Amino acid sequence: MKERIEGYDFSLKKEKIREIFNTPEHLEYSKKKKKVQKRRETVYKFTSIGLSTNSVRNLIIVNVICFILSFYFLPSLFNNFSVYNIIDPNFRIWQPLTSMFLHGGLFHILVNMFVLWQFGNQIEEVIGTKKFLQLYFISGLISGIFWMFLGTGPAVGASGALSGLLSAYIFIAPETKVLALFVFPMKMKSFIYGFAVLSLVFGLASLVNPSYGFGIGHFAHLGGLVGGYIISYYWKSKRLIPTF
């Protein structure tokens, strides 16, 4: 315990400090500082997208930028960067990669980015950033390759890459519950296998009549599921990822 210094009145110093902090100038400074801090927190919350990992956040940002560019400034991107069947005159070798960054509308990108945010963060935390990005891009590429040989017309979207992420749940957390169509609770493994069957059935139906596909790239989804499954199974067999 410190001894009190004789001859010095600390109450006077406190009163002087209080006067300084209660001046109009300092009050105005504090008010501005709070506004700046609040603005910074708002910007951080927006750019961090909640509790997203860096990879997920950056993928979302890139997808949103590409969506804005393709819809409002450079609509010609769809002609060159959507993925077409390999026999289509519009097909280009880079399209399986570029198509995963384009989306067909606001609802399309909102749903895909929500799925990426919802599941991508969890997967990256479990398998690490490097494997997460490998899983995402390889699944997306295989999705595009499936469409190259089985699809009709142009296809866009990150759905194939996201399907690959979902496949990893079969090995990482198959018992995890998910709301199918945001309503029906199901185990993740049941949801993924059911999704694969529906993608195959409607994909084959679209070969008979494209209208039976309802404008959805079922073969692209199936390709992403298959790609993600193969990669995850390989990692599991080599004990490179924690599995259930």
Protein backbone atom coordinates (compact mmCIF):
# COMPACT_ATOMS: atom_id res chain seq x y z
CA MET A 1 0.00 0.00 0.00
CA LYS A 2 1.44 3.36 -1.07
CA GLU A 3 1.76 6.17 1.46
CA ARG A 4 -0.15 9.36 0.81
CA ILE A 5 2.09 12.25 -0.29
CA GLU A 6 1.80 14.97 2.25
CA GLY A 7 0.95 18.41 0.98
CA TYR A 8 -0.68 17.20 -2.27
CA ASP A 9 -4.46 17.16 -2.67
CA PHE A 10 -5.36 14.49 -5.21
CA SER A 11 -9.00 15.60 -5.28
CA LEU A 12 -7.93 18.84 -6.96
CA LYS A 13 -6.18 16.91 -9.75
CA LYS A 14 -9.27 14.74 -10.29
CA GLU A 15 -11.44 17.84 -10.50
CA LYS A 16 -9.09 19.41 -13.04
CA ILE A 17 -9.11 16.24 -15.19
CA ARG A 18 -12.92 16.14 -14.99
CA GLU A 19 -13.10 19.73 -16.21
CA ILE A 20 -10.87 18.93 -19.19
CA PHE A 21 -12.99 15.94 -20.25
CA ASN A 22 -16.22 17.93 -19.87
CA THR A 23 -15.26 20.76 -22.21
CA PRO A 24 -17.38 21.17 -25.38
CA GLU A 25 -14.34 20.47 -27.52
CA HIS A 26 -13.58 17.14 -25.85
CA LEU A 27 -17.23 16.09 -25.83
CA GLU A 28 -17.41 16.77 -29.57
CA TYR A 29 -14.18 14.81 -30.09
CA SER A 30 -15.58 11.84 -28.13
CA LYS A 31 -18.78 11.94 -30.14
CA LYS A 32 -16.89 11.85 -33.44
CA LYS A 33 -14.62 9.09 -32.18
CA LYS A 34 -17.63 6.93 -31.29
CA LYS A 35 -19.10 7.47 -34.76
CA VAL A 36 -15.84 6.46 -36.43
CA GLN A 37 -15.57 3.37 -34.23
CA LYS A 38 -19.15 2.37 -35.01
CA ARG A 39 -18.49 2.84 -38.73
CA ARG A 40 -15.39 0.66 -38.51
CA GLU A 41 -17.31 -2.06 -36.69
CA THR A 42 -20.02 -1.96 -39.34
CA VAL A 43 -17.46 -2.27 -42.14
CA TYR A 44 -15.76 -5.15 -40.33
CA LYS A 45 -19.03 -6.99 -39.84
CA PHE A 46 -19.83 -6.58 -43.52
CA THR A 47 -16.45 -7.61 -44.87
CA SER A 48 -15.99 -10.47 -42.41
CA ILE A 49 -19.49 -11.81 -43.18
CA GLY A 50 -20.17 -12.87 -39.65
CA LEU A 51 -17.74 -15.51 -38.48
CA SER A 52 -16.56 -16.53 -41.94
CA THR A 53 -13.05 -17.83 -42.51
CA ASN A 54 -10.83 -15.81 -44.83
CA SER A 55 -11.27 -18.31 -47.68
CA VAL A 56 -15.06 -18.36 -47.48
CA ARG A 57 -15.25 -14.58 -47.15
CA ASN A 58 -12.97 -14.05 -50.16
CA LEU A 59 -14.90 -16.55 -52.29
CA ILE A 60 -18.15 -14.78 -51.47
CA ILE A 61 -16.65 -11.38 -52.30
CA VAL A 62 -15.25 -12.62 -55.64
CA ASN A 63 -18.58 -14.22 -56.57
CA VAL A 64 -20.51 -11.05 -55.74
CA ILE A 65 -18.09 -8.89 -57.76
CA CYS A 66 -18.38 -11.24 -60.76
CA PHE A 67 -22.17 -11.22 -60.43
CA ILE A 68 -22.32 -7.41 -60.47
CA LEU A 69 -19.93 -7.16 -63.41
CA SER A 70 -21.72 -9.78 -65.51
CA PHE A 71 -25.22 -8.49 -64.83
CA TYR A 72 -24.77 -4.75 -64.91
CA PHE A 73 -21.59 -3.93 -66.81
CA LEU A 74 -20.35 -6.83 -68.94
CA PRO A 75 -23.24 -9.13 -69.90
CA SER A 76 -21.03 -10.56 -72.66
CA LEU A 77 -19.20 -12.50 -69.93
CA PHE A 78 -22.01 -15.05 -70.03
CA ASN A 79 -21.28 -15.92 -73.65
CA ASN A 80 -17.58 -16.51 -73.07
CA PHE A 81 -17.42 -17.81 -69.50
CA SER A 82 -20.53 -19.98 -69.05
CA VAL A 83 -19.84 -23.68 -69.61
CA TYR A 84 -21.29 -25.28 -72.74
CA ASN A 85 -21.40 -28.80 -74.05
CA ILE A 86 -18.13 -29.68 -75.77
CA ILE A 87 -19.88 -29.98 -79.16
CA ASP A 88 -21.44 -26.52 -78.84
CA PRO A 89 -19.69 -23.86 -80.99
CA ASN A 90 -19.60 -21.57 -77.95
CA PHE A 91 -17.52 -24.02 -75.89
CA ARG A 92 -14.12 -22.83 -74.66
CA ILE A 93 -11.58 -24.85 -72.66
CA TRP A 94 -11.55 -22.41 -69.72
CA GLN A 95 -15.30 -22.49 -69.13
CA PRO A 96 -15.42 -25.27 -66.48
CA LEU A 97 -13.38 -22.94 -64.26
CA THR A 98 -14.89 -19.56 -65.09
CA SER A 99 -18.51 -20.71 -64.99
CA MET A 100 -18.36 -21.32 -61.24
CA PHE A 101 -18.00 -17.57 -60.65
CA LEU A 102 -21.10 -16.56 -62.63
CA HIS A 103 -24.73 -16.76 -61.52
CA GLY A 104 -28.03 -16.58 -63.33
CA GLY A 105 -29.82 -14.16 -61.03
CA LEU A 106 -30.05 -12.60 -57.59
CA PHE A 107 -31.86 -15.57 -56.02
CA HIS A 108 -29.30 -17.94 -57.53
CA ILE A 109 -26.30 -16.21 -56.02
CA LEU A 110 -28.02 -15.57 -52.67
CA VAL A 111 -28.79 -19.27 -52.20
CA ASN A 112 -25.32 -20.38 -53.29
CA MET A 113 -23.49 -17.88 -51.10
CA PHE A 114 -25.68 -18.81 -48.15
CA VAL A 115 -24.77 -22.49 -48.62
CA LEU A 116 -21.08 -21.55 -48.95
CA TRP A 117 -21.24 -19.49 -45.76
CA GLN A 118 -23.27 -22.13 -43.87
CA PHE A 119 -21.16 -25.18 -44.70
CA GLY A 120 -17.85 -23.87 -46.02
CA ASN A 121 -16.76 -22.40 -42.68
CA GLN A 122 -17.29 -25.68 -40.88
CA ILE A 123 -15.49 -27.75 -43.50
CA GLU A 124 -12.49 -25.44 -43.65
CA GLU A 125 -12.12 -25.51 -39.87
CA VAL A 126 -12.04 -29.33 -39.98
CA ILE A 127 -9.83 -30.03 -43.01
CA GLY A 128 -7.80 -26.81 -43.21
CA THR A 129 -7.58 -24.01 -45.77
CA LYS A 130 -5.43 -25.81 -48.35
CA LYS A 131 -7.64 -28.90 -48.57
CA PHE A 132 -10.79 -26.78 -48.45
CA LEU A 133 -9.72 -24.81 -51.52
CA GLN A 134 -8.61 -28.00 -53.30
CA LEU A 135 -11.98 -29.58 -52.58
CA TYR A 136 -13.88 -26.50 -53.73
CA PHE A 137 -12.07 -25.92 -57.03
CA ILE A 138 -11.56 -29.55 -58.05
CA SER A 139 -15.24 -30.29 -57.37
CA GLY A 140 -16.18 -27.23 -59.40
CA LEU A 141 -13.98 -28.31 -62.30
CA ILE A 142 -15.36 -31.85 -62.32
CA SER A 143 -18.84 -30.35 -62.22
CA GLY A 144 -18.02 -28.35 -65.33
CA ILE A 145 -16.54 -31.39 -67.06
CA PHE A 146 -19.73 -33.38 -66.41
CA TRP A 147 -21.69 -30.56 -68.03
CA MET A 148 -19.27 -30.46 -70.98
CA PHE A 149 -20.27 -33.98 -71.94
CA LEU A 150 -23.81 -34.35 -70.61
CA GLY A 151 -25.34 -30.89 -70.40
CA THR A 152 -27.28 -28.86 -72.93
CA GLY A 153 -27.05 -25.10 -73.22
CA PRO A 154 -24.99 -22.77 -71.00
CA ALA A 155 -24.57 -23.41 -67.28
CA VAL A 156 -23.29 -21.11 -64.53
CA GLY A 157 -22.99 -21.13 -60.78
CA ALA A 158 -20.96 -22.32 -57.83
CA SER A 159 -23.40 -25.15 -57.16
CA GLY A 160 -21.04 -27.83 -58.43
CA ALA A 161 -18.22 -26.70 -56.14
CA LEU A 162 -20.66 -26.45 -53.23
CA SER A 163 -21.95 -29.96 -53.96
CA GLY A 164 -18.37 -31.17 -53.58
CA LEU A 165 -18.16 -29.51 -50.17
CA LEU A 166 -21.36 -31.24 -49.11
CA SER A 167 -19.97 -34.63 -50.19
CA ALA A 168 -17.19 -34.25 -47.64
CA TYR A 169 -19.80 -34.42 -44.89
CA ILE A 170 -20.37 -38.09 -45.71
CA PHE A 171 -16.93 -38.79 -44.22
CA ILE A 172 -16.50 -35.89 -41.81
CA ALA A 173 -19.90 -35.57 -40.14
CA PRO A 174 -22.52 -37.89 -41.70
CA GLU A 175 -24.88 -37.67 -38.71
CA THR A 176 -25.09 -33.87 -38.79
CA LYS A 177 -28.67 -32.65 -39.15
CA VAL A 178 -29.65 -30.34 -42.01
CA LEU A 179 -32.98 -28.77 -43.01
CA ALA A 180 -33.75 -30.00 -46.52
CA LEU A 181 -35.51 -27.20 -48.44
CA PHE A 182 -35.07 -25.22 -45.19
CA VAL A 183 -37.97 -27.22 -43.71
CA PHE A 184 -37.39 -30.97 -43.37
CA PRO A 185 -34.75 -32.19 -40.86
CA MET A 186 -32.51 -34.93 -42.26
CA LYS A 187 -29.14 -36.48 -41.56
CA MET A 188 -26.50 -35.03 -43.83
CA LYS A 189 -25.58 -38.39 -45.39
CA SER A 190 -29.25 -39.06 -46.26
CA PHE A 191 -29.63 -35.59 -47.72
CA ILE A 192 -26.52 -35.93 -49.90
CA TYR A 193 -27.37 -39.39 -51.21
CA GLY A 194 -30.93 -38.25 -51.90
CA PHE A 195 -29.62 -35.15 -53.65
CA ALA A 196 -27.35 -37.34 -55.81
CA VAL A 197 -30.24 -39.63 -56.82
CA LEU A 198 -32.49 -36.69 -57.73
CA SER A 199 -29.68 -35.06 -59.71
CA LEU A 200 -29.15 -38.28 -61.67
CA VAL A 201 -32.88 -38.87 -62.32
CA PHE A 202 -33.66 -35.33 -63.43
CA GLY A 203 -30.39 -35.15 -65.37
CA LEU A 204 -31.32 -38.25 -67.38
CA ALA A 205 -34.83 -36.88 -67.86
CA SER A 206 -33.37 -33.67 -69.26
CA LEU A 207 -31.58 -35.73 -71.93
CA VAL A 208 -34.99 -36.89 -73.12
CA ASN A 209 -36.45 -33.39 -72.96
CA PRO A 210 -34.48 -30.36 -71.69
CA SER A 211 -37.64 -28.94 -70.13
CA TYR A 212 -37.68 -31.86 -67.67
CA GLY A 213 -34.57 -30.39 -66.08
CA PHE A 214 -36.53 -27.26 -65.07
CA GLY A 215 -33.59 -25.03 -65.95
CA ILE A 216 -31.32 -26.61 -63.31
CA GLY A 217 -27.86 -28.02 -64.04
CA HIS A 218 -28.48 -31.46 -62.54
CA PHE A 219 -25.44 -33.03 -64.17
CA ALA A 220 -23.31 -30.18 -62.86
CA HIS A 221 -24.56 -30.91 -59.33
CA LEU A 222 -23.93 -34.60 -59.83
CA GLY A 223 -20.40 -33.92 -61.08
CA GLY A 224 -19.63 -31.82 -58.02
CA LEU A 225 -20.99 -34.51 -55.70
CA VAL A 226 -18.94 -37.20 -57.41
CA GLY A 227 -15.79 -35.10 -57.43
CA GLY A 228 -16.11 -34.16 -53.77
CA TYR A 229 -16.85 -37.76 -52.81
CA ILE A 230 -13.77 -39.13 -54.61
CA ILE A 231 -11.43 -36.52 -53.14
CA SER A 232 -12.79 -36.93 -49.60
CA TYR A 233 -12.68 -40.71 -49.84
CA TYR A 234 -9.04 -40.55 -50.94
CA TRP A 235 -8.15 -38.25 -48.04
CA LYS A 236 -9.96 -40.55 -45.64
CA SER A 237 -8.16 -43.66 -46.95
CA LYS A 238 -4.81 -41.92 -46.48
CA ARG A 239 -5.87 -40.57 -43.08
CA LEU A 240 -5.26 -37.02 -44.25
CA ILE A 241 -8.47 -35.63 -42.73
CA PRO A 242 -10.35 -36.35 -39.48
CA THR A 243 -13.32 -38.58 -40.30
CA PHE A 244 -16.33 -39.97 -38.49
